[in-house]
Amino acid sequence: MDAKADVPMLAFDNAARVYGKGDKAVRALGPVTLEVMPGELVAIMGPSGSGKSTLLSLAGALDVPTEGRVCIHGKDLSQQSMAELAELRRRVIGFVFQDLNLLPGLTAIENVALPLELDGMKLSRARAAAAEALNGVKLSSMADRFPDDLSGGEQQRVAIARAHVGPRQLMLADEPTGALDSVTGELVMRLLRQQCDRGRTVVLVTHDAAHAAWADRVLYLRDGLLVAPVEAALPSSLAETAGRA
């Protein structure tokens, strides 16, 4: 899927997610309307239970809205088959989570190459693409190390390489710096920023205003709804820098 600059990479059109029915229904998100363009880094902030994880699940084609639409590069996810959604997750969407989900029995390069191999790419091509992705996060020298032999920051960089390996254009990051020290967290944010500068799109969930300040835009969720102004959610010194690359 080639990203065109005039088509949103991610769009929520009055999208909502309700769990349960009747008196037991719980509205976890929405309705939410937003567009994220190719090359944009958007940070999502908000208290626990505000709907951030639900928003990422919908954006990542892991769930579908009960109301409205969620589209990835113009494709309405609710109109896609299970096979088509799986293909989107393999080829278009990359995930970076705080708990990493690296496979301990695979080396760094094997972890990064795995999504391409599962998609049917030949081993040699998958490993070459994985090596390029690891080089992009400055971990070429550690390609043959297992996750347990890497620091937390190095593991997170492997996860970032895996999320953007191959043709993927949309990266969803859920608190990717939450378990890292401030210096390593800043490095991870710089890497995400660089991915956007290369044309990829990043949606970042974070509680850290300093990391949100790396974003082009900062959105704030409360009780499942986007609220404004975002400056109310950020310290004044960081609110001024939010949106600056």
C-alpha atoms as a PDB file:
ATOM      1  CA  MET A   1       0.000   0.000   0.000  1.00  0.00           C
ATOM      2  CA  ASP A   2       1.683   3.204  -1.191  1.00  0.00           C
ATOM      3  CA  ALA A   3       1.037   6.183   1.048  1.00  0.00           C
ATOM      4  CA  LYS A   4      -0.272   9.215  -0.864  1.00  0.00           C
ATOM      5  CA  ALA A   5       0.214  12.543   0.843  1.00  0.00           C
ATOM      6  CA  ASP A   6      -3.373  13.708   0.265  1.00  0.00           C
ATOM      7  CA  VAL A   7      -5.052  10.571   1.648  1.00  0.00           C
ATOM      8  CA  PRO A   8      -5.100  10.086   5.444  1.00  0.00           C
ATOM      9  CA  MET A   9      -3.103   7.071   6.521  1.00  0.00           C
ATOM     10  CA  LEU A  10      -5.536   6.683   9.422  1.00  0.00           C
ATOM     11  CA  ALA A  11      -9.034   8.143   9.750  1.00  0.00           C
ATOM     12  CA  PHE A  12     -11.712   7.833  12.430  1.00  0.00           C
ATOM     13  CA  ASP A  13     -15.139   8.955  11.232  1.00  0.00           C
ATOM     14  CA  ASN A  14     -17.465   9.243  14.250  1.00  0.00           C
ATOM     15  CA  ALA A  15     -16.009   5.929  15.383  1.00  0.00           C
ATOM     16  CA  ALA A  16     -17.070   4.451  18.707  1.00  0.00           C
ATOM     17  CA  ARG A  17     -16.575   1.182  20.525  1.00  0.00           C
ATOM     18  CA  VAL A  18     -19.213  -0.089  22.931  1.00  0.00           C
ATOM     19  CA  TYR A  19     -18.768  -3.306  24.910  1.00  0.00           C
ATOM     20  CA  GLY A  20     -21.810  -5.231  26.117  1.00  0.00           C
ATOM     21  CA  LYS A  21     -25.471  -4.515  25.515  1.00  0.00           C
ATOM     22  CA  GLY A  22     -28.397  -2.893  27.237  1.00  0.00           C
ATOM     23  CA  ASP A  23     -27.875  -1.923  30.862  1.00  0.00           C
ATOM     24  CA  LYS A  24     -24.436  -3.531  30.805  1.00  0.00           C
ATOM     25  CA  ALA A  25     -23.197  -1.559  27.805  1.00  0.00           C
ATOM     26  CA  VAL A  26     -19.934   0.327  28.363  1.00  0.00           C
ATOM     27  CA  ARG A  27     -18.791   2.969  25.911  1.00  0.00           C
ATOM     28  CA  ALA A  28     -15.004   2.649  25.850  1.00  0.00           C
ATOM     29  CA  LEU A  29     -14.421   5.141  23.053  1.00  0.00           C
ATOM     30  CA  GLY A  30     -16.160   7.765  21.024  1.00  0.00           C
ATOM     31  CA  PRO A  31     -17.545   8.985  18.958  1.00  0.00           C
ATOM     32  CA  VAL A  32     -14.128  10.119  17.721  1.00  0.00           C
ATOM     33  CA  THR A  33     -13.282  11.846  14.461  1.00  0.00           C
ATOM     34  CA  LEU A  34      -9.668  12.395  13.462  1.00  0.00           C
ATOM     35  CA  GLU A  35      -7.279  12.112  10.536  1.00  0.00           C
ATOM     36  CA  VAL A  36      -3.593  11.261  10.616  1.00  0.00           C
ATOM     37  CA  MET A  37      -1.691  12.046   7.442  1.00  0.00           C
ATOM     38  CA  PRO A  38       1.313  10.211   5.975  1.00  0.00           C
ATOM     39  CA  GLY A  39       4.542  11.338   7.610  1.00  0.00           C
ATOM     40  CA  GLU A  40       2.790  12.628  10.707  1.00  0.00           C
ATOM     41  CA  LEU A  41       3.611  11.767  14.318  1.00  0.00           C
ATOM     42  CA  VAL A  42       0.537  12.119  16.532  1.00  0.00           C
ATOM     43  CA  ALA A  43       0.703  11.640  20.299  1.00  0.00           C
ATOM     44  CA  ILE A  44      -2.347  10.519  22.278  1.00  0.00           C
ATOM     45  CA  MET A  45      -2.469  11.447  25.957  1.00  0.00           C
ATOM     46  CA  GLY A  46      -5.051  10.900  28.657  1.00  0.00           C
ATOM     47  CA  PRO A  47      -5.628   9.280  32.046  1.00  0.00           C
ATOM     48  CA  SER A  48      -5.949   5.533  32.552  1.00  0.00           C
ATOM     49  CA  GLY A  49      -9.285   4.276  31.263  1.00  0.00           C
ATOM     50  CA  SER A  50      -9.712   7.186  28.857  1.00  0.00           C
ATOM     51  CA  GLY A  51      -9.857   4.959  25.761  1.00  0.00           C
ATOM     52  CA  LYS A  52      -6.269   5.141  24.507  1.00  0.00           C
ATOM     53  CA  SER A  53      -5.788   1.373  24.214  1.00  0.00           C
ATOM     54  CA  THR A  54      -9.190   0.983  22.559  1.00  0.00           C
ATOM     55  CA  LEU A  55      -8.239   3.652  20.021  1.00  0.00           C
ATOM     56  CA  LEU A  56      -5.018   1.805  19.188  1.00  0.00           C
ATOM     57  CA  SER A  57      -6.873  -1.513  18.877  1.00  0.00           C
ATOM     58  CA  LEU A  58      -9.234   0.035  16.351  1.00  0.00           C
ATOM     59  CA  ALA A  59      -6.394   1.757  14.504  1.00  0.00           C
ATOM     60  CA  GLY A  60      -4.463  -1.508  14.332  1.00  0.00           C
ATOM     61  CA  ALA A  61      -7.336  -3.543  12.881  1.00  0.00           C
ATOM     62  CA  LEU A  62      -7.393  -5.651  16.045  1.00  0.00           C
ATOM     63  CA  ASP A  63     -11.006  -4.612  16.622  1.00  0.00           C
ATOM     64  CA  VAL A  64     -13.758  -2.862  14.657  1.00  0.00           C
ATOM     65  CA  PRO A  65     -15.976   0.011  15.815  1.00  0.00           C
ATOM     66  CA  THR A  66     -19.567  -0.572  16.841  1.00  0.00           C
ATOM     67  CA  GLU A  67     -20.419   2.839  15.387  1.00  0.00           C
ATOM     68  CA  GLY A  68     -18.866   4.912  12.623  1.00  0.00           C
ATOM     69  CA  ARG A  69     -15.853   3.967  10.556  1.00  0.00           C
ATOM     70  CA  VAL A  70     -12.124   3.471  10.882  1.00  0.00           C
ATOM     71  CA  CYS A  71     -10.164   3.633   7.631  1.00  0.00           C
ATOM     72  CA  ILE A  72      -6.537   2.887   6.814  1.00  0.00           C
ATOM     73  CA  HIS A  73      -5.458   4.715   3.689  1.00  0.00           C
ATOM     74  CA  GLY A  74      -9.067   4.915   2.548  1.00  0.00           C
ATOM     75  CA  LYS A  75     -10.005   1.314   3.338  1.00  0.00           C
ATOM     76  CA  ASP A  76     -12.961   0.935   5.702  1.00  0.00           C
ATOM     77  CA  LEU A  77     -11.851  -1.766   8.132  1.00  0.00           C
ATOM     78  CA  SER A  78     -15.406  -2.925   8.784  1.00  0.00           C
ATOM     79  CA  GLN A  79     -15.703  -3.826   5.095  1.00  0.00           C
ATOM     80  CA  GLN A  80     -12.592  -6.007   5.056  1.00  0.00           C
ATOM     81  CA  SER A  81     -12.587  -9.773   5.435  1.00  0.00           C
ATOM     82  CA  MET A  82     -10.630 -11.455   8.223  1.00  0.00           C
ATOM     83  CA  ALA A  83      -7.968 -12.394   5.675  1.00  0.00           C
ATOM     84  CA  GLU A  84      -7.743  -8.810   4.419  1.00  0.00           C
ATOM     85  CA  LEU A  85      -7.421  -7.480   7.974  1.00  0.00           C
ATOM     86  CA  ALA A  86      -4.654  -9.990   8.672  1.00  0.00           C
ATOM     87  CA  GLU A  87      -2.872  -8.831   5.523  1.00  0.00           C
ATOM     88  CA  LEU A  88      -3.120  -5.208   6.668  1.00  0.00           C
ATOM     89  CA  ARG A  89      -1.564  -6.119   9.996  1.00  0.00           C
ATOM     90  CA  ARG A  90       1.276  -7.968   8.271  1.00  0.00           C
ATOM     91  CA  ARG A  91       2.046  -5.492   5.500  1.00  0.00           C
ATOM     92  CA  VAL A  92       0.856  -2.038   6.514  1.00  0.00           C
ATOM     93  CA  ILE A  93       0.675  -1.781  10.320  1.00  0.00           C
ATOM     94  CA  GLY A  94       3.515  -2.165  12.789  1.00  0.00           C
ATOM     95  CA  PHE A  95       3.089  -2.377  16.563  1.00  0.00           C
ATOM     96  CA  VAL A  96       5.488  -1.231  19.277  1.00  0.00           C
ATOM     97  CA  PHE A  97       4.373  -2.042  22.808  1.00  0.00           C
ATOM     98  CA  GLN A  98       5.910  -1.436  26.214  1.00  0.00           C
ATOM     99  CA  ASP A  99       6.151  -5.190  26.843  1.00  0.00           C
ATOM    100  CA  LEU A 100       7.884  -5.581  23.439  1.00  0.00           C
ATOM    101  CA  ASN A 101       6.621  -9.116  22.630  1.00  0.00           C
ATOM    102  CA  LEU A 102      10.015 -10.193  21.323  1.00  0.00           C
ATOM    103  CA  LEU A 103      10.415 -13.961  21.057  1.00  0.00           C
ATOM    104  CA  PRO A 104      13.193 -14.995  23.476  1.00  0.00           C
ATOM    105  CA  GLY A 105      14.294 -17.963  21.386  1.00  0.00           C
ATOM    106  CA  LEU A 106      15.000 -15.840  18.307  1.00  0.00           C
ATOM    107  CA  THR A 107      17.903 -13.476  17.721  1.00  0.00           C
ATOM    108  CA  ALA A 108      17.341  -9.790  17.041  1.00  0.00           C
ATOM    109  CA  ILE A 109      17.502 -10.236  13.280  1.00  0.00           C
ATOM    110  CA  GLU A 110      15.231 -13.286  13.436  1.00  0.00           C
ATOM    111  CA  ASN A 111      12.665 -11.340  15.483  1.00  0.00           C
ATOM    112  CA  VAL A 112      12.702  -8.493  12.975  1.00  0.00           C
ATOM    113  CA  ALA A 113      12.501 -10.778   9.952  1.00  0.00           C
ATOM    114  CA  LEU A 114       9.675 -12.893  11.360  1.00  0.00           C
ATOM    115  CA  PRO A 115       6.720 -10.787  10.057  1.00  0.00           C
ATOM    116  CA  LEU A 116       8.156 -10.916   6.539  1.00  0.00           C
ATOM    117  CA  GLU A 117       8.738 -14.656   6.724  1.00  0.00           C
ATOM    118  CA  LEU A 118       5.178 -15.212   7.961  1.00  0.00           C
ATOM    119  CA  ASP A 119       4.018 -13.207   4.949  1.00  0.00           C
ATOM    120  CA  GLY A 120       5.762 -15.653   2.630  1.00  0.00           C
ATOM    121  CA  MET A 121       8.937 -13.729   1.834  1.00  0.00           C
ATOM    122  CA  LYS A 122      11.996 -15.825   1.084  1.00  0.00           C
ATOM    123  CA  LEU A 123      14.345 -16.188   4.031  1.00  0.00           C
ATOM    124  CA  SER A 124      17.252 -14.445   2.330  1.00  0.00           C
ATOM    125  CA  ARG A 125      15.153 -11.401   1.389  1.00  0.00           C
ATOM    126  CA  ALA A 126      13.529 -11.256   4.815  1.00  0.00           C
ATOM    127  CA  ARG A 127      16.890 -11.357   6.575  1.00  0.00           C
ATOM    128  CA  ALA A 128      18.283  -8.674   4.253  1.00  0.00           C
ATOM    129  CA  ALA A 129      15.321  -6.403   4.999  1.00  0.00           C
ATOM    130  CA  ALA A 130      15.682  -7.112   8.724  1.00  0.00           C
ATOM    131  CA  ALA A 131      19.385  -6.248   8.601  1.00  0.00           C
ATOM    132  CA  GLU A 132      18.532  -2.929   6.938  1.00  0.00           C
ATOM    133  CA  ALA A 133      15.900  -2.199   9.588  1.00  0.00           C
ATOM    134  CA  LEU A 134      18.353  -2.984  12.404  1.00  0.00           C
ATOM    135  CA  ASN A 135      20.913  -0.714  10.790  1.00  0.00           C
ATOM    136  CA  GLY A 136      18.283   2.023  10.832  1.00  0.00           C
ATOM    137  CA  VAL A 137      18.061   1.778  14.635  1.00  0.00           C
ATOM    138  CA  LYS A 138      21.855   1.423  14.981  1.00  0.00           C
ATOM    139  CA  LEU A 139      21.842  -2.208  16.113  1.00  0.00           C
ATOM    140  CA  SER A 140      23.620  -3.946  13.230  1.00  0.00           C
ATOM    141  CA  SER A 141      26.358  -5.178  15.553  1.00  0.00           C
ATOM    142  CA  MET A 142      23.815  -6.929  17.777  1.00  0.00           C
ATOM    143  CA  ALA A 143      21.816  -8.725  15.089  1.00  0.00           C
ATOM    144  CA  ASP A 144      22.799 -12.175  16.361  1.00  0.00           C
ATOM    145  CA  ARG A 145      22.077 -11.511  20.031  1.00  0.00           C
ATOM    146  CA  PHE A 146      19.051 -12.894  21.822  1.00  0.00           C
ATOM    147  CA  PRO A 147      16.656 -10.513  23.644  1.00  0.00           C
ATOM    148  CA  ASP A 148      17.974 -11.543  27.075  1.00  0.00           C
ATOM    149  CA  ASP A 149      21.433 -10.389  25.994  1.00  0.00           C
ATOM    150  CA  LEU A 150      20.156  -6.896  25.141  1.00  0.00           C
ATOM    151  CA  SER A 151      19.375  -3.957  27.394  1.00  0.00           C
ATOM    152  CA  GLY A 152      15.809  -2.685  27.691  1.00  0.00           C
ATOM    153  CA  GLY A 153      16.541   0.172  25.317  1.00  0.00           C
ATOM    154  CA  GLU A 154      18.159  -2.160  22.794  1.00  0.00           C
ATOM    155  CA  GLN A 155      15.180  -4.502  22.951  1.00  0.00           C
ATOM    156  CA  GLN A 156      12.852  -1.560  22.311  1.00  0.00           C
ATOM    157  CA  ARG A 157      14.918  -0.573  19.271  1.00  0.00           C
ATOM    158  CA  VAL A 158      14.601  -4.143  17.961  1.00  0.00           C
ATOM    159  CA  ALA A 159      10.833  -3.827  18.424  1.00  0.00           C
ATOM    160  CA  ILE A 160      10.849  -0.564  16.460  1.00  0.00           C
ATOM    161  CA  ALA A 161      12.850  -2.217  13.669  1.00  0.00           C
ATOM    162  CA  ARG A 162      10.345  -5.071  13.552  1.00  0.00           C
ATOM    163  CA  ALA A 163       7.445  -2.608  13.427  1.00  0.00           C
ATOM    164  CA  HIS A 164       8.711  -0.815  10.333  1.00  0.00           C
ATOM    165  CA  VAL A 165      10.477  -3.639   8.488  1.00  0.00           C
ATOM    166  CA  GLY A 166       9.436  -4.053   4.870  1.00  0.00           C
ATOM    167  CA  PRO A 167       6.690  -1.895   3.338  1.00  0.00           C
ATOM    168  CA  ARG A 168       4.819  -1.007   6.526  1.00  0.00           C
ATOM    169  CA  GLN A 169       3.638   2.591   6.656  1.00  0.00           C
ATOM    170  CA  LEU A 170       1.663   2.920   9.908  1.00  0.00           C
ATOM    171  CA  MET A 171       3.350   2.418  13.278  1.00  0.00           C
ATOM    172  CA  LEU A 172       1.289   2.230  16.482  1.00  0.00           C
ATOM    173  CA  ALA A 173       3.292   2.695  19.667  1.00  0.00           C
ATOM    174  CA  ASP A 174       1.720   2.047  23.080  1.00  0.00           C
ATOM    175  CA  GLU A 175       3.861   3.572  25.856  1.00  0.00           C
ATOM    176  CA  PRO A 176       7.082   2.505  24.110  1.00  0.00           C
ATOM    177  CA  THR A 177       9.260   4.488  26.537  1.00  0.00           C
ATOM    178  CA  GLY A 178       7.420   3.687  29.767  1.00  0.00           C
ATOM    179  CA  ALA A 179      10.012   1.205  31.065  1.00  0.00           C
ATOM    180  CA  LEU A 180      13.076   3.128  29.869  1.00  0.00           C
ATOM    181  CA  ASP A 181      15.307   5.717  31.495  1.00  0.00           C
ATOM    182  CA  SER A 182      15.052   9.285  30.233  1.00  0.00           C
ATOM    183  CA  VAL A 183      18.108   9.148  27.972  1.00  0.00           C
ATOM    184  CA  THR A 184      17.058   5.898  26.291  1.00  0.00           C
ATOM    185  CA  GLY A 185      13.467   7.122  26.062  1.00  0.00           C
ATOM    186  CA  GLU A 186      14.643  10.195  24.191  1.00  0.00           C
ATOM    187  CA  LEU A 187      16.610   7.985  21.790  1.00  0.00           C
ATOM    188  CA  VAL A 188      13.499   5.912  21.093  1.00  0.00           C
ATOM    189  CA  MET A 189      11.486   9.077  20.415  1.00  0.00           C
ATOM    190  CA  ARG A 190      14.183  10.316  18.048  1.00  0.00           C
ATOM    191  CA  LEU A 191      13.974   7.032  16.145  1.00  0.00           C
ATOM    192  CA  LEU A 192      10.179   7.324  15.869  1.00  0.00           C
ATOM    193  CA  ARG A 193      10.564  10.913  14.677  1.00  0.00           C
ATOM    194  CA  GLN A 194      13.036   9.763  12.032  1.00  0.00           C
ATOM    195  CA  GLN A 195      10.537   7.193  10.766  1.00  0.00           C
ATOM    196  CA  CYS A 196       8.022   9.989  10.194  1.00  0.00           C
ATOM    197  CA  ASP A 197      10.641  12.097   8.451  1.00  0.00           C
ATOM    198  CA  ARG A 198      11.026   9.174   6.034  1.00  0.00           C
ATOM    199  CA  GLY A 199       7.299   9.245   5.246  1.00  0.00           C
ATOM    200  CA  ARG A 200       5.929   6.721   7.710  1.00  0.00           C
ATOM    201  CA  THR A 201       3.086   7.539  10.087  1.00  0.00           C
ATOM    202  CA  VAL A 202       3.298   7.084  13.851  1.00  0.00           C
ATOM    203  CA  VAL A 203       0.510   7.177  16.429  1.00  0.00           C
ATOM    204  CA  LEU A 204       1.994   7.235  19.907  1.00  0.00           C
ATOM    205  CA  VAL A 205       0.230   6.694  23.230  1.00  0.00           C
ATOM    206  CA  THR A 206       2.207   8.214  26.082  1.00  0.00           C
ATOM    207  CA  HIS A 207       1.841   9.605  29.580  1.00  0.00           C
ATOM    208  CA  ASP A 208       5.076  11.579  29.244  1.00  0.00           C
ATOM    209  CA  ALA A 209       4.592  15.188  28.120  1.00  0.00           C
ATOM    210  CA  ALA A 210       8.283  15.479  27.214  1.00  0.00           C
ATOM    211  CA  HIS A 211       7.906  12.631  24.738  1.00  0.00           C
ATOM    212  CA  ALA A 212       4.593  13.971  23.438  1.00  0.00           C
ATOM    213  CA  ALA A 213       6.448  17.190  22.583  1.00  0.00           C
ATOM    214  CA  TRP A 214       8.217  15.310  19.758  1.00  0.00           C
ATOM    215  CA  ALA A 215       4.865  14.955  17.966  1.00  0.00           C
ATOM    216  CA  ASP A 216       3.415  17.108  15.197  1.00  0.00           C
ATOM    217  CA  ARG A 217       0.144  17.104  17.126  1.00  0.00           C
ATOM    218  CA  VAL A 218      -0.930  16.068  20.604  1.00  0.00           C
ATOM    219  CA  LEU A 219      -4.484  14.800  21.144  1.00  0.00           C
ATOM    220  CA  TYR A 220      -6.017  14.352  24.572  1.00  0.00           C
ATOM    221  CA  LEU A 221      -8.575  11.687  25.445  1.00  0.00           C
ATOM    222  CA  ARG A 222     -10.879  11.880  28.434  1.00  0.00           C
ATOM    223  CA  ASP A 223     -13.780   9.482  29.040  1.00  0.00           C
ATOM    224  CA  GLY A 224     -13.399   8.132  25.512  1.00  0.00           C
ATOM    225  CA  LEU A 225     -13.660  11.537  23.830  1.00  0.00           C
ATOM    226  CA  LEU A 226     -11.130  13.897  22.318  1.00  0.00           C
ATOM    227  CA  VAL A 227     -11.009  17.090  24.331  1.00  0.00           C
ATOM    228  CA  ALA A 228      -9.406  20.474  23.660  1.00  0.00           C
ATOM    229  CA  PRO A 229      -7.364  22.444  24.138  1.00  0.00           C
ATOM    230  CA  VAL A 230      -4.444  20.066  24.475  1.00  0.00           C
ATOM    231  CA  GLU A 231      -2.495  22.787  26.314  1.00  0.00           C
ATOM    232  CA  ALA A 232      -4.587  21.930  29.365  1.00  0.00           C
ATOM    233  CA  ALA A 233      -2.952  18.490  29.368  1.00  0.00           C
ATOM    234  CA  LEU A 234       0.634  19.682  29.026  1.00  0.00           C
ATOM    235  CA  PRO A 235       2.963  21.833  31.092  1.00  0.00           C
ATOM    236  CA  SER A 236       3.078  25.270  29.440  1.00  0.00           C
ATOM    237  CA  SER A 237       6.734  24.941  28.412  1.00  0.00           C
ATOM    238  CA  LEU A 238       5.996  21.670  26.580  1.00  0.00           C
ATOM    239  CA  ALA A 239       2.671  22.770  25.156  1.00  0.00           C
ATOM    240  CA  GLU A 240       4.592  25.385  23.191  1.00  0.00           C
ATOM    241  CA  THR A 241       6.824  22.716  21.646  1.00  0.00           C
ATOM    242  CA  ALA A 242       4.123  20.122  20.925  1.00  0.00           C
ATOM    243  CA  GLY A 243       3.739  19.909  17.179  1.00  0.00           C
ATOM    244  CA  ARG A 244       7.334  20.909  16.485  1.00  0.00           C
ATOM    245  CA  ALA A 245       9.393  18.248  14.745  1.00  0.00           C
END
